[in-house]
Amino acid sequence: MSESHQQTAEPLDLKGEVCPYTFVKSKLALEEMESGQVLRVIVDNRGSAENVPRSLSSEGHQILNVAMLNDTDWAITVRKA
């Protein structure tokens, strides 16, 4: 199993939210976590699926995966810096 799947990711369901709120809420969730912990953010719009990983990466966090779950939802998996 890959390193990114060794830890259980904390879920954060942001369906129905749009940027910048998806980024802000993701950032706030990460602030509550320990360094190295993994967060799995679920969003339901393409803008957030593109902007949240870019913004979190620019904050120094490691984007492990961005995956389309179905026709409307994406999962963004990020490890806290």
PDB file of N, CA and C in Angstrom:
ATOM      1  N   MET A   1       0.838  -1.179   0.000  1.00  0.00           N
ATOM      2  CA  MET A   1       0.000   0.000   0.000  1.00  0.00           C
ATOM      3  C   MET A   1       0.883   1.244   0.000  1.00  0.00           C
ATOM      4  N   SER A   2       0.487   2.271  -0.731  1.00  0.00           N
ATOM      5  CA  SER A   2       1.312   3.469  -0.833  1.00  0.00           C
ATOM      6  C   SER A   2       1.284   4.257   0.465  1.00  0.00           C
ATOM      7  N   GLU A   3       2.279   5.103   0.633  1.00  0.00           N
ATOM      8  CA  GLU A   3       2.401   5.899   1.845  1.00  0.00           C
ATOM      9  C   GLU A   3       1.171   6.771   2.061  1.00  0.00           C
ATOM     10  N   SER A   4       0.567   7.285   0.989  1.00  0.00           N
ATOM     11  CA  SER A   4      -0.567   8.197   1.120  1.00  0.00           C
ATOM     12  C   SER A   4      -1.808   7.507   1.666  1.00  0.00           C
ATOM     13  N   HIS A   5      -1.846   6.166   1.637  1.00  0.00           N
ATOM     14  CA  HIS A   5      -3.014   5.462   2.129  1.00  0.00           C
ATOM     15  C   HIS A   5      -2.768   4.788   3.477  1.00  0.00           C
ATOM     16  N   GLN A   6      -1.618   5.023   4.101  1.00  0.00           N
ATOM     17  CA  GLN A   6      -1.327   4.399   5.379  1.00  0.00           C
ATOM     18  C   GLN A   6      -2.129   5.044   6.502  1.00  0.00           C
ATOM     19  N   GLN A   7      -2.416   6.337   6.383  1.00  0.00           N
ATOM     20  CA  GLN A   7      -3.181   7.028   7.407  1.00  0.00           C
ATOM     21  C   GLN A   7      -4.611   7.192   6.921  1.00  0.00           C
ATOM     22  N   THR A   8      -5.542   7.181   7.863  1.00  0.00           N
ATOM     23  CA  THR A   8      -6.924   7.443   7.525  1.00  0.00           C
ATOM     24  C   THR A   8      -7.106   8.946   7.411  1.00  0.00           C
ATOM     25  N   ALA A   9      -7.666   9.377   6.298  1.00  0.00           N
ATOM     26  CA  ALA A   9      -7.870  10.806   6.075  1.00  0.00           C
ATOM     27  C   ALA A   9      -9.098  11.288   6.831  1.00  0.00           C
ATOM     28  N   GLU A  10      -8.990  12.463   7.430  1.00  0.00           N
ATOM     29  CA  GLU A  10     -10.136  13.103   8.058  1.00  0.00           C
ATOM     30  C   GLU A  10     -11.038  13.632   6.948  1.00  0.00           C
ATOM     31  N   PRO A  11     -12.338  13.330   6.985  1.00  0.00           N
ATOM     32  CA  PRO A  11     -13.227  13.807   5.919  1.00  0.00           C
ATOM     33  C   PRO A  11     -13.714  15.235   6.168  1.00  0.00           C
ATOM     34  N   LEU A  12     -13.867  15.989   5.102  1.00  0.00           N
ATOM     35  CA  LEU A  12     -14.432  17.336   5.171  1.00  0.00           C
ATOM     36  C   LEU A  12     -15.335  17.499   3.961  1.00  0.00           C
ATOM     37  N   ASP A  13     -16.637  17.448   4.176  1.00  0.00           N
ATOM     38  CA  ASP A  13     -17.618  17.528   3.097  1.00  0.00           C
ATOM     39  C   ASP A  13     -17.998  18.984   2.860  1.00  0.00           C
ATOM     40  N   LEU A  14     -17.546  19.522   1.721  1.00  0.00           N
ATOM     41  CA  LEU A  14     -17.838  20.916   1.383  1.00  0.00           C
ATOM     42  C   LEU A  14     -18.750  21.018   0.161  1.00  0.00           C
ATOM     43  N   LYS A  15     -19.551  19.978  -0.075  1.00  0.00           N
ATOM     44  CA  LYS A  15     -20.482  20.036  -1.196  1.00  0.00           C
ATOM     45  C   LYS A  15     -21.474  21.173  -0.960  1.00  0.00           C
ATOM     46  N   GLY A  16     -21.752  21.917  -2.027  1.00  0.00           N
ATOM     47  CA  GLY A  16     -22.640  23.055  -1.918  1.00  0.00           C
ATOM     48  C   GLY A  16     -21.912  24.358  -1.634  1.00  0.00           C
ATOM     49  N   GLU A  17     -20.629  24.270  -1.285  1.00  0.00           N
ATOM     50  CA  GLU A  17     -19.818  25.460  -1.023  1.00  0.00           C
ATOM     51  C   GLU A  17     -19.054  25.841  -2.291  1.00  0.00           C
ATOM     52  N   VAL A  18     -18.708  27.121  -2.414  1.00  0.00           N
ATOM     53  CA  VAL A  18     -17.936  27.589  -3.560  1.00  0.00           C
ATOM     54  C   VAL A  18     -16.710  28.355  -3.061  1.00  0.00           C
ATOM     55  N   CYS A  19     -15.742  28.556  -3.958  1.00  0.00           N
ATOM     56  CA  CYS A  19     -14.572  29.356  -3.621  1.00  0.00           C
ATOM     57  C   CYS A  19     -15.018  30.785  -3.332  1.00  0.00           C
ATOM     58  N   PRO A  20     -14.421  31.474  -2.399  1.00  0.00           N
ATOM     59  CA  PRO A  20     -13.228  31.068  -1.651  1.00  0.00           C
ATOM     60  C   PRO A  20     -13.539  30.252  -0.400  1.00  0.00           C
ATOM     61  N   TYR A  21     -14.824  29.987  -0.121  1.00  0.00           N
ATOM     62  CA  TYR A  21     -15.186  29.315   1.122  1.00  0.00           C
ATOM     63  C   TYR A  21     -14.613  27.910   1.212  1.00  0.00           C
ATOM     64  N   THR A  22     -14.538  27.206   0.078  1.00  0.00           N
ATOM     65  CA  THR A  22     -13.981  25.849   0.114  1.00  0.00           C
ATOM     66  C   THR A  22     -12.523  25.879   0.557  1.00  0.00           C
ATOM     67  N   PHE A  23     -11.763  26.850   0.051  1.00  0.00           N
ATOM     68  CA  PHE A  23     -10.361  26.973   0.454  1.00  0.00           C
ATOM     69  C   PHE A  23     -10.254  27.385   1.918  1.00  0.00           C
ATOM     70  N   VAL A  24     -11.031  28.395   2.316  1.00  0.00           N
ATOM     71  CA  VAL A  24     -10.957  28.901   3.687  1.00  0.00           C
ATOM     72  C   VAL A  24     -11.311  27.805   4.688  1.00  0.00           C
ATOM     73  N   LYS A  25     -12.377  27.053   4.423  1.00  0.00           N
ATOM     74  CA  LYS A  25     -12.790  25.989   5.349  1.00  0.00           C
ATOM     75  C   LYS A  25     -11.779  24.844   5.365  1.00  0.00           C
ATOM     76  N   SER A  26     -11.176  24.553   4.211  1.00  0.00           N
ATOM     77  CA  SER A  26     -10.132  23.526   4.164  1.00  0.00           C
ATOM     78  C   SER A  26      -8.932  23.962   4.981  1.00  0.00           C
ATOM     79  N   LYS A  27      -8.535  25.222   4.821  1.00  0.00           N
ATOM     80  CA  LYS A  27      -7.383  25.764   5.552  1.00  0.00           C
ATOM     81  C   LYS A  27      -7.644  25.746   7.063  1.00  0.00           C
ATOM     82  N   LEU A  28      -8.858  26.133   7.469  1.00  0.00           N
ATOM     83  CA  LEU A  28      -9.200  26.120   8.897  1.00  0.00           C
ATOM     84  C   LEU A  28      -9.173  24.698   9.455  1.00  0.00           C
ATOM     85  N   ALA A  29      -9.658  23.729   8.678  1.00  0.00           N
ATOM     86  CA  ALA A  29      -9.633  22.331   9.127  1.00  0.00           C
ATOM     87  C   ALA A  29      -8.200  21.860   9.311  1.00  0.00           C
ATOM     88  N   LEU A  30      -7.322  22.230   8.374  1.00  0.00           N
ATOM     89  CA  LEU A  30      -5.917  21.830   8.474  1.00  0.00           C
ATOM     90  C   LEU A  30      -5.242  22.465   9.685  1.00  0.00           C
ATOM     91  N   GLU A  31      -5.636  23.693  10.046  1.00  0.00           N
ATOM     92  CA  GLU A  31      -5.039  24.365  11.203  1.00  0.00           C
ATOM     93  C   GLU A  31      -5.320  23.603  12.492  1.00  0.00           C
ATOM     94  N   GLU A  32      -6.423  22.844  12.530  1.00  0.00           N
ATOM     95  CA  GLU A  32      -6.788  22.069  13.722  1.00  0.00           C
ATOM     96  C   GLU A  32      -6.062  20.728  13.782  1.00  0.00           C
ATOM     97  N   MET A  33      -5.362  20.364  12.716  1.00  0.00           N
ATOM     98  CA  MET A  33      -4.727  19.055  12.621  1.00  0.00           C
ATOM     99  C   MET A  33      -3.239  19.135  12.942  1.00  0.00           C
ATOM    100  N   GLU A  34      -2.663  17.981  13.230  1.00  0.00           N
ATOM    101  CA  GLU A  34      -1.227  17.877  13.471  1.00  0.00           C
ATOM    102  C   GLU A  34      -0.496  17.782  12.136  1.00  0.00           C
ATOM    103  N   SER A  35       0.757  18.236  12.111  1.00  0.00           N
ATOM    104  CA  SER A  35       1.580  18.121  10.914  1.00  0.00           C
ATOM    105  C   SER A  35       1.667  16.659  10.490  1.00  0.00           C
ATOM    106  N   GLY A  36       1.478  16.395   9.209  1.00  0.00           N
ATOM    107  CA  GLY A  36       1.549  15.030   8.695  1.00  0.00           C
ATOM    108  C   GLY A  36       0.202  14.336   8.597  1.00  0.00           C
ATOM    109  N   GLN A  37      -0.825  14.886   9.272  1.00  0.00           N
ATOM    110  CA  GLN A  37      -2.149  14.284   9.171  1.00  0.00           C
ATOM    111  C   GLN A  37      -2.729  14.547   7.779  1.00  0.00           C
ATOM    112  N   VAL A  38      -3.680  13.705   7.386  1.00  0.00           N
ATOM    113  CA  VAL A  38      -4.254  13.763   6.043  1.00  0.00           C
ATOM    114  C   VAL A  38      -5.713  14.196   6.119  1.00  0.00           C
ATOM    115  N   LEU A  39      -6.085  15.120   5.238  1.00  0.00           N
ATOM    116  CA  LEU A  39      -7.449  15.626   5.136  1.00  0.00           C
ATOM    117  C   LEU A  39      -7.988  15.272   3.755  1.00  0.00           C
ATOM    118  N   ARG A  40      -9.229  14.802   3.707  1.00  0.00           N
ATOM    119  CA  ARG A  40      -9.888  14.484   2.437  1.00  0.00           C
ATOM    120  C   ARG A  40     -11.071  15.429   2.286  1.00  0.00           C
ATOM    121  N   VAL A  41     -10.942  16.367   1.365  1.00  0.00           N
ATOM    122  CA  VAL A  41     -11.959  17.391   1.135  1.00  0.00           C
ATOM    123  C   VAL A  41     -12.820  16.958  -0.047  1.00  0.00           C
ATOM    124  N   ILE A  42     -14.139  16.989   0.131  1.00  0.00           N
ATOM    125  CA  ILE A  42     -15.073  16.665  -0.941  1.00  0.00           C
ATOM    126  C   ILE A  42     -15.726  17.960  -1.408  1.00  0.00           C
ATOM    127  N   VAL A  43     -15.615  18.242  -2.697  1.00  0.00           N
ATOM    128  CA  VAL A  43     -16.234  19.431  -3.291  1.00  0.00           C
ATOM    129  C   VAL A  43     -17.082  18.998  -4.479  1.00  0.00           C
ATOM    130  N   ASP A  44     -18.009  19.865  -4.869  1.00  0.00           N
ATOM    131  CA  ASP A  44     -18.905  19.500  -5.971  1.00  0.00           C
ATOM    132  C   ASP A  44     -18.934  20.548  -7.083  1.00  0.00           C
ATOM    133  N   ASN A  45     -17.809  21.243  -7.251  1.00  0.00           N
ATOM    134  CA  ASN A  45     -17.712  22.142  -8.402  1.00  0.00           C
ATOM    135  C   ASN A  45     -16.278  22.179  -8.903  1.00  0.00           C
ATOM    136  N   ARG A  46     -16.145  22.292 -10.212  1.00  0.00           N
ATOM    137  CA  ARG A  46     -14.830  22.233 -10.858  1.00  0.00           C
ATOM    138  C   ARG A  46     -13.895  23.333 -10.363  1.00  0.00           C
ATOM    139  N   GLY A  47     -14.431  24.525 -10.136  1.00  0.00           N
ATOM    140  CA  GLY A  47     -13.595  25.632  -9.664  1.00  0.00           C
ATOM    141  C   GLY A  47     -12.881  25.290  -8.367  1.00  0.00           C
ATOM    142  N   SER A  48     -13.619  24.722  -7.426  1.00  0.00           N
ATOM    143  CA  SER A  48     -13.007  24.333  -6.152  1.00  0.00           C
ATOM    144  C   SER A  48     -12.030  23.189  -6.339  1.00  0.00           C
ATOM    145  N   ALA A  49     -12.367  22.239  -7.226  1.00  0.00           N
ATOM    146  CA  ALA A  49     -11.483  21.093  -7.477  1.00  0.00           C
ATOM    147  C   ALA A  49     -10.149  21.544  -8.051  1.00  0.00           C
ATOM    148  N   GLU A  50     -10.137  22.675  -8.753  1.00  0.00           N
ATOM    149  CA  GLU A  50      -8.890  23.207  -9.315  1.00  0.00           C
ATOM    150  C   GLU A  50      -8.201  24.170  -8.361  1.00  0.00           C
ATOM    151  N   ASN A  51      -8.969  25.031  -7.690  1.00  0.00           N
ATOM    152  CA  ASN A  51      -8.386  26.100  -6.882  1.00  0.00           C
ATOM    153  C   ASN A  51      -7.938  25.660  -5.494  1.00  0.00           C
ATOM    154  N   VAL A  52      -8.696  24.771  -4.852  1.00  0.00           N
ATOM    155  CA  VAL A  52      -8.333  24.363  -3.491  1.00  0.00           C
ATOM    156  C   VAL A  52      -6.961  23.673  -3.464  1.00  0.00           C
ATOM    157  N   PRO A  53      -6.688  22.693  -4.350  1.00  0.00           N
ATOM    158  CA  PRO A  53      -5.347  22.086  -4.316  1.00  0.00           C
ATOM    159  C   PRO A  53      -4.234  23.097  -4.592  1.00  0.00           C
ATOM    160  N   ARG A  54      -4.457  23.981  -5.561  1.00  0.00           N
ATOM    161  CA  ARG A  54      -3.440  24.985  -5.893  1.00  0.00           C
ATOM    162  C   ARG A  54      -3.182  25.904  -4.699  1.00  0.00           C
ATOM    163  N   SER A  55      -4.248  26.362  -4.043  1.00  0.00           N
ATOM    164  CA  SER A  55      -4.105  27.270  -2.908  1.00  0.00           C
ATOM    165  C   SER A  55      -3.469  26.577  -1.705  1.00  0.00           C
ATOM    166  N   LEU A  56      -3.883  25.344  -1.418  1.00  0.00           N
ATOM    167  CA  LEU A  56      -3.301  24.625  -0.284  1.00  0.00           C
ATOM    168  C   LEU A  56      -1.836  24.300  -0.539  1.00  0.00           C
ATOM    169  N   SER A  57      -1.500  23.965  -1.781  1.00  0.00           N
ATOM    170  CA  SER A  57      -0.111  23.702  -2.137  1.00  0.00           C
ATOM    171  C   SER A  57       0.740  24.951  -1.931  1.00  0.00           C
ATOM    172  N   SER A  58       0.200  26.116  -2.306  1.00  0.00           N
ATOM    173  CA  SER A  58       0.948  27.364  -2.144  1.00  0.00           C
ATOM    174  C   SER A  58       1.131  27.708  -0.668  1.00  0.00           C
ATOM    175  N   GLU A  59       0.299  27.121   0.201  1.00  0.00           N
ATOM    176  CA  GLU A  59       0.441  27.297   1.659  1.00  0.00           C
ATOM    177  C   GLU A  59       1.471  26.325   2.229  1.00  0.00           C
ATOM    178  N   GLY A  60       1.994  25.416   1.380  1.00  0.00           N
ATOM    179  CA  GLY A  60       3.028  24.490   1.818  1.00  0.00           C
ATOM    180  C   GLY A  60       2.546  23.073   2.094  1.00  0.00           C
ATOM    181  N   HIS A  61       1.248  22.827   1.938  1.00  0.00           N
ATOM    182  CA  HIS A  61       0.710  21.492   2.176  1.00  0.00           C
ATOM    183  C   HIS A  61       0.955  20.604   0.954  1.00  0.00           C
ATOM    184  N   GLN A  62       0.967  19.293   1.171  1.00  0.00           N
ATOM    185  CA  GLN A  62       1.252  18.335   0.100  1.00  0.00           C
ATOM    186  C   GLN A  62      -0.059  17.774  -0.434  1.00  0.00           C
ATOM    187  N   ILE A  63      -0.323  18.004  -1.717  1.00  0.00           N
ATOM    188  CA  ILE A  63      -1.511  17.456  -2.353  1.00  0.00           C
ATOM    189  C   ILE A  63      -1.183  16.012  -2.750  1.00  0.00           C
ATOM    190  N   LEU A  64      -1.902  15.064  -2.155  1.00  0.00           N
ATOM    191  CA  LEU A  64      -1.647  13.651  -2.412  1.00  0.00           C
ATOM    192  C   LEU A  64      -2.436  13.149  -3.615  1.00  0.00           C
ATOM    193  N   ASN A  65      -3.654  13.692  -3.789  1.00  0.00           N
ATOM    194  CA  ASN A  65      -4.504  13.199  -4.869  1.00  0.00           C
ATOM    195  C   ASN A  65      -5.683  14.145  -5.077  1.00  0.00           C
ATOM    196  N   VAL A  66      -6.095  14.276  -6.325  1.00  0.00           N
ATOM    197  CA  VAL A  66      -7.358  14.927  -6.674  1.00  0.00           C
ATOM    198  C   VAL A  66      -8.061  13.954  -7.600  1.00  0.00           C
ATOM    199  N   ALA A  67      -9.226  13.465  -7.178  1.00  0.00           N
ATOM    200  CA  ALA A  67      -9.915  12.435  -7.949  1.00  0.00           C
ATOM    201  C   ALA A  67     -11.383  12.788  -8.119  1.00  0.00           C
ATOM    202  N   MET A  68     -11.878  12.571  -9.327  1.00  0.00           N
ATOM    203  CA  MET A  68     -13.295  12.751  -9.578  1.00  0.00           C
ATOM    204  C   MET A  68     -14.011  11.506  -9.052  1.00  0.00           C
ATOM    205  N   LEU A  69     -14.990  11.714  -8.183  1.00  0.00           N
ATOM    206  CA  LEU A  69     -15.705  10.600  -7.556  1.00  0.00           C
ATOM    207  C   LEU A  69     -16.898  10.150  -8.392  1.00  0.00           C
ATOM    208  N   ASN A  70     -17.563  11.115  -9.023  1.00  0.00           N
ATOM    209  CA  ASN A  70     -18.732  10.848  -9.861  1.00  0.00           C
ATOM    210  C   ASN A  70     -18.932  12.042 -10.793  1.00  0.00           C
ATOM    211  N   ASP A  71     -20.095  12.209 -11.342  1.00  0.00           N
ATOM    212  CA  ASP A  71     -20.327  13.291 -12.301  1.00  0.00           C
ATOM    213  C   ASP A  71     -20.220  14.682 -11.687  1.00  0.00           C
ATOM    214  N   THR A  72     -20.352  14.778 -10.364  1.00  0.00           N
ATOM    215  CA  THR A  72     -20.395  16.105  -9.741  1.00  0.00           C
ATOM    216  C   THR A  72     -19.363  16.328  -8.644  1.00  0.00           C
ATOM    217  N   ASP A  73     -18.787  15.275  -8.073  1.00  0.00           N
ATOM    218  CA  ASP A  73     -17.962  15.424  -6.876  1.00  0.00           C
ATOM    219  C   ASP A  73     -16.494  15.056  -7.105  1.00  0.00           C
ATOM    220  N   TRP A  74     -15.613  15.794  -6.421  1.00  0.00           N
ATOM    221  CA  TRP A  74     -14.176  15.535  -6.435  1.00  0.00           C
ATOM    222  C   TRP A  74     -13.712  15.332  -5.002  1.00  0.00           C
ATOM    223  N   ALA A  75     -12.694  14.497  -4.825  1.00  0.00           N
ATOM    224  CA  ALA A  75     -12.036  14.323  -3.534  1.00  0.00           C
ATOM    225  C   ALA A  75     -10.615  14.859  -3.656  1.00  0.00           C
ATOM    226  N   ILE A  76     -10.275  15.761  -2.749  1.00  0.00           N
ATOM    227  CA  ILE A  76      -8.932  16.344  -2.692  1.00  0.00           C
ATOM    228  C   ILE A  76      -8.288  15.819  -1.417  1.00  0.00           C
ATOM    229  N   THR A  77      -7.198  15.066  -1.564  1.00  0.00           N
ATOM    230  CA  THR A  77      -6.510  14.499  -0.411  1.00  0.00           C
ATOM    231  C   THR A  77      -5.214  15.282  -0.194  1.00  0.00           C
ATOM    232  N   VAL A  78      -5.057  15.829   1.008  1.00  0.00           N
ATOM    233  CA  VAL A  78      -3.924  16.710   1.298  1.00  0.00           C
ATOM    234  C   VAL A  78      -3.311  16.338   2.641  1.00  0.00           C
ATOM    235  N   ARG A  79      -1.980  16.374   2.701  1.00  0.00           N
ATOM    236  CA  ARG A  79      -1.256  16.123   3.956  1.00  0.00           C
ATOM    237  C   ARG A  79      -0.795  17.469   4.503  1.00  0.00           C
ATOM    238  N   LYS A  80      -1.093  17.698   5.778  1.00  0.00           N
ATOM    239  CA  LYS A  80      -0.710  18.962   6.412  1.00  0.00           C
ATOM    240  C   LYS A  80       0.804  19.080   6.500  1.00  0.00           C
ATOM    241  N   ALA A  81       1.295  20.257   6.185  1.00  0.00           N
ATOM    242  CA  ALA A  81       2.733  20.538   6.249  1.00  0.00           C
ATOM    243  C   ALA A  81       3.230  20.512   7.678  1.00  0.00           C
TER     244      ALA A  81
END
